[in-house]
Amino acid sequence: MKCPYCKGEMHEEFLDYVVEMEDGQKLRLEEVPTWVCEKCDYTEIEEEVGEAIEDMLDHLDTVEAGGDEEE
């Protein structure tokens, strides 16, 4: 895989991924498969990984909303 910016070679690493939630809190996901450019350090996650993260966050919102209703 080539970097879209500098055309350097990209390799896969497992890195932490930080998501800022709507309420300002940050959620850190560990060991997310990430492509990293060897030349410029540009990082990118595959579309499927991004979709899985979005699904997880949507589920988290549902769980939190359900938890608020039970209180």
N, C-alpha and C. Protein backbone atom coordinates (compact mmCIF):
# COMPACT_ATOMS: atom_id res chain seq x y z
N MET A 1 0.86 -1.18 0.00
CA MET A 1 0.00 0.00 0.00
C MET A 1 0.90 1.24 0.00
N LYS A 2 0.51 2.22 -0.79
CA LYS A 2 1.28 3.46 -0.90
C LYS A 2 0.55 4.60 -0.17
N CYS A 3 1.34 5.47 0.45
CA CYS A 3 0.80 6.65 1.14
C CYS A 3 0.15 7.58 0.11
N PRO A 4 -1.07 8.07 0.38
CA PRO A 4 -1.73 8.97 -0.57
C PRO A 4 -1.07 10.35 -0.64
N TYR A 5 -0.20 10.68 0.31
CA TYR A 5 0.43 11.99 0.33
C TYR A 5 1.84 12.00 -0.23
N CYS A 6 2.70 11.12 0.29
CA CYS A 6 4.10 11.15 -0.13
C CYS A 6 4.49 9.95 -0.99
N LYS A 7 3.56 9.02 -1.17
CA LYS A 7 3.77 7.80 -1.97
C LYS A 7 4.77 6.84 -1.34
N GLY A 8 5.07 7.03 -0.05
CA GLY A 8 5.93 6.10 0.67
C GLY A 8 5.20 4.79 0.94
N GLU A 9 5.95 3.78 1.32
CA GLU A 9 5.36 2.49 1.65
C GLU A 9 4.65 2.58 3.01
N MET A 10 3.50 1.92 3.10
CA MET A 10 2.77 1.88 4.35
C MET A 10 2.78 0.45 4.87
N HIS A 11 2.87 0.32 6.18
CA HIS A 11 2.83 -1.00 6.81
C HIS A 11 1.80 -0.96 7.93
N GLU A 12 1.31 -2.14 8.30
CA GLU A 12 0.26 -2.21 9.31
C GLU A 12 0.86 -2.35 10.70
N GLU A 13 0.35 -1.55 11.62
CA GLU A 13 0.71 -1.61 13.03
C GLU A 13 -0.59 -1.62 13.83
N PHE A 14 -0.48 -2.03 15.08
CA PHE A 14 -1.63 -1.99 15.98
C PHE A 14 -1.40 -0.85 16.97
N LEU A 15 -2.18 0.22 16.81
CA LEU A 15 -2.00 1.43 17.59
C LEU A 15 -3.25 1.76 18.39
N ASP A 16 -3.09 2.62 19.39
CA ASP A 16 -4.24 3.13 20.13
C ASP A 16 -4.96 4.16 19.25
N TYR A 17 -6.26 4.19 19.34
CA TYR A 17 -7.10 5.10 18.55
C TYR A 17 -7.98 5.84 19.53
N VAL A 18 -7.94 7.17 19.50
CA VAL A 18 -8.70 7.98 20.46
C VAL A 18 -9.89 8.62 19.74
N VAL A 19 -11.05 8.47 20.35
CA VAL A 19 -12.29 9.04 19.82
C VAL A 19 -12.80 10.05 20.83
N GLU A 20 -13.09 11.27 20.35
CA GLU A 20 -13.68 12.26 21.25
C GLU A 20 -15.20 12.15 21.13
N MET A 21 -15.83 11.92 22.27
CA MET A 21 -17.28 11.75 22.31
C MET A 21 -17.97 13.12 22.28
N GLU A 22 -19.26 13.10 22.01
CA GLU A 22 -20.03 14.35 21.94
C GLU A 22 -19.99 15.15 23.23
N ASP A 23 -19.89 14.46 24.37
CA ASP A 23 -19.87 15.15 25.66
C ASP A 23 -18.47 15.64 26.04
N GLY A 24 -17.51 15.48 25.12
CA GLY A 24 -16.15 15.96 25.36
C GLY A 24 -15.22 14.92 25.96
N GLN A 25 -15.76 13.81 26.42
CA GLN A 25 -14.91 12.75 26.96
C GLN A 25 -14.17 12.06 25.83
N LYS A 26 -13.03 11.48 26.16
CA LYS A 26 -12.25 10.75 25.17
C LYS A 26 -12.27 9.27 25.50
N LEU A 27 -12.42 8.47 24.46
CA LEU A 27 -12.44 7.03 24.58
C LEU A 27 -11.23 6.50 23.82
N ARG A 28 -10.39 5.72 24.50
CA ARG A 28 -9.19 5.17 23.87
C ARG A 28 -9.42 3.70 23.56
N LEU A 29 -9.27 3.36 22.30
CA LEU A 29 -9.37 1.98 21.85
C LEU A 29 -7.95 1.46 21.64
N GLU A 30 -7.64 0.32 22.20
CA GLU A 30 -6.29 -0.22 22.11
C GLU A 30 -6.16 -1.21 20.97
N GLU A 31 -4.96 -1.24 20.39
CA GLU A 31 -4.60 -2.25 19.39
C GLU A 31 -5.51 -2.23 18.15
N VAL A 32 -5.75 -1.04 17.61
CA VAL A 32 -6.55 -0.90 16.39
C VAL A 32 -5.63 -1.07 15.19
N PRO A 33 -5.97 -1.96 14.23
CA PRO A 33 -5.11 -2.12 13.05
C PRO A 33 -5.08 -0.83 12.24
N THR A 34 -3.88 -0.30 12.04
CA THR A 34 -3.69 1.01 11.42
C THR A 34 -2.56 0.93 10.41
N TRP A 35 -2.75 1.54 9.25
CA TRP A 35 -1.69 1.64 8.26
C TRP A 35 -0.87 2.89 8.55
N VAL A 36 0.47 2.75 8.57
CA VAL A 36 1.38 3.84 8.91
C VAL A 36 2.40 4.00 7.78
N CYS A 37 2.59 5.24 7.31
CA CYS A 37 3.58 5.51 6.27
C CYS A 37 4.97 5.52 6.89
N GLU A 38 5.89 4.82 6.23
CA GLU A 38 7.28 4.75 6.72
C GLU A 38 8.02 6.07 6.53
N LYS A 39 7.56 6.93 5.59
CA LYS A 39 8.26 8.18 5.31
C LYS A 39 7.71 9.37 6.11
N CYS A 40 6.37 9.56 6.05
CA CYS A 40 5.80 10.78 6.65
C CYS A 40 4.95 10.52 7.89
N ASP A 41 4.81 9.26 8.31
CA ASP A 41 4.03 8.88 9.49
C ASP A 41 2.52 9.12 9.37
N TYR A 42 2.04 9.36 8.16
CA TYR A 42 0.59 9.46 7.94
C TYR A 42 -0.04 8.14 8.38
N THR A 43 -1.20 8.23 9.05
CA THR A 43 -1.90 7.02 9.49
C THR A 43 -3.29 6.96 8.89
N GLU A 44 -3.75 5.74 8.69
CA GLU A 44 -5.07 5.54 8.10
C GLU A 44 -5.60 4.19 8.57
N ILE A 45 -6.90 4.15 8.86
CA ILE A 45 -7.53 2.87 9.18
C ILE A 45 -8.38 2.46 7.98
N GLU A 46 -8.54 1.16 7.79
CA GLU A 46 -9.35 0.68 6.68
C GLU A 46 -10.82 1.00 6.94
N GLU A 47 -11.57 1.11 5.86
CA GLU A 47 -12.99 1.46 5.96
C GLU A 47 -13.75 0.51 6.87
N GLU A 48 -13.47 -0.79 6.76
CA GLU A 48 -14.17 -1.78 7.57
C GLU A 48 -13.90 -1.57 9.06
N VAL A 49 -12.67 -1.17 9.39
CA VAL A 49 -12.32 -0.92 10.79
C VAL A 49 -13.06 0.31 11.28
N GLY A 50 -13.11 1.35 10.47
CA GLY A 50 -13.84 2.56 10.83
C GLY A 50 -15.32 2.29 11.05
N GLU A 51 -15.90 1.44 10.17
CA GLU A 51 -17.31 1.09 10.32
C GLU A 51 -17.54 0.30 11.60
N ALA A 52 -16.62 -0.60 11.93
CA ALA A 52 -16.75 -1.37 13.17
C ALA A 52 -16.68 -0.46 14.39
N ILE A 53 -15.80 0.53 14.34
CA ILE A 53 -15.70 1.50 15.45
C ILE A 53 -16.99 2.29 15.56
N GLU A 54 -17.53 2.76 14.43
CA GLU A 54 -18.79 3.50 14.44
C GLU A 54 -19.93 2.65 15.00
N ASP A 55 -20.00 1.39 14.59
CA ASP A 55 -21.03 0.49 15.12
C ASP A 55 -20.90 0.34 16.62
N MET A 56 -19.66 0.19 17.10
CA MET A 56 -19.42 0.05 18.53
C MET A 56 -19.87 1.31 19.27
N LEU A 57 -19.54 2.48 18.72
CA LEU A 57 -19.92 3.74 19.36
C LEU A 57 -21.44 3.91 19.36
N ASP A 58 -22.10 3.51 18.26
CA ASP A 58 -23.57 3.57 18.22
C ASP A 58 -24.17 2.66 19.29
N HIS A 59 -23.60 1.47 19.44
CA HIS A 59 -24.07 0.53 20.45
C HIS A 59 -23.83 1.10 21.85
N LEU A 60 -22.70 1.75 22.04
CA LEU A 60 -22.38 2.35 23.33
C LEU A 60 -23.41 3.42 23.68
N ASP A 61 -23.79 4.25 22.69
CA ASP A 61 -24.81 5.27 22.91
C ASP A 61 -26.14 4.63 23.30
N THR A 62 -26.49 3.51 22.67
CA THR A 62 -27.73 2.80 22.98
C THR A 62 -27.70 2.25 24.40
N VAL A 63 -26.58 1.68 24.78
CA VAL A 63 -26.43 1.12 26.13
C VAL A 63 -26.53 2.24 27.17
N GLU A 64 -25.84 3.36 26.89
CA GLU A 64 -25.89 4.48 27.83
C GLU A 64 -27.30 5.04 27.93
N ALA A 65 -28.01 5.16 26.81
CA ALA A 65 -29.37 5.67 26.84
C ALA A 65 -30.28 4.72 27.61
N GLY A 66 -30.11 3.44 27.40
CA GLY A 66 -30.90 2.44 28.13
C GLY A 66 -30.60 2.47 29.60
N GLY A 67 -29.35 2.70 29.95
CA GLY A 67 -28.96 2.77 31.35
C GLY A 67 -29.57 3.98 32.03
N ASP A 68 -29.71 5.08 31.29
CA ASP A 68 -30.31 6.29 31.88
C ASP A 68 -31.79 6.07 32.14
N GLU A 69 -32.47 5.29 31.30
CA GLU A 69 -33.90 5.07 31.49
C GLU A 69 -34.19 4.21 32.70
N GLU A 70 -33.27 3.32 33.06
CA GLU A 70 -33.48 2.42 34.17
C GLU A 70 -33.25 3.09 35.52
N GLU A 71 -32.57 4.20 35.54
CA GLU A 71 -32.25 4.86 36.82
C GLU A 71 -33.44 5.54 37.42
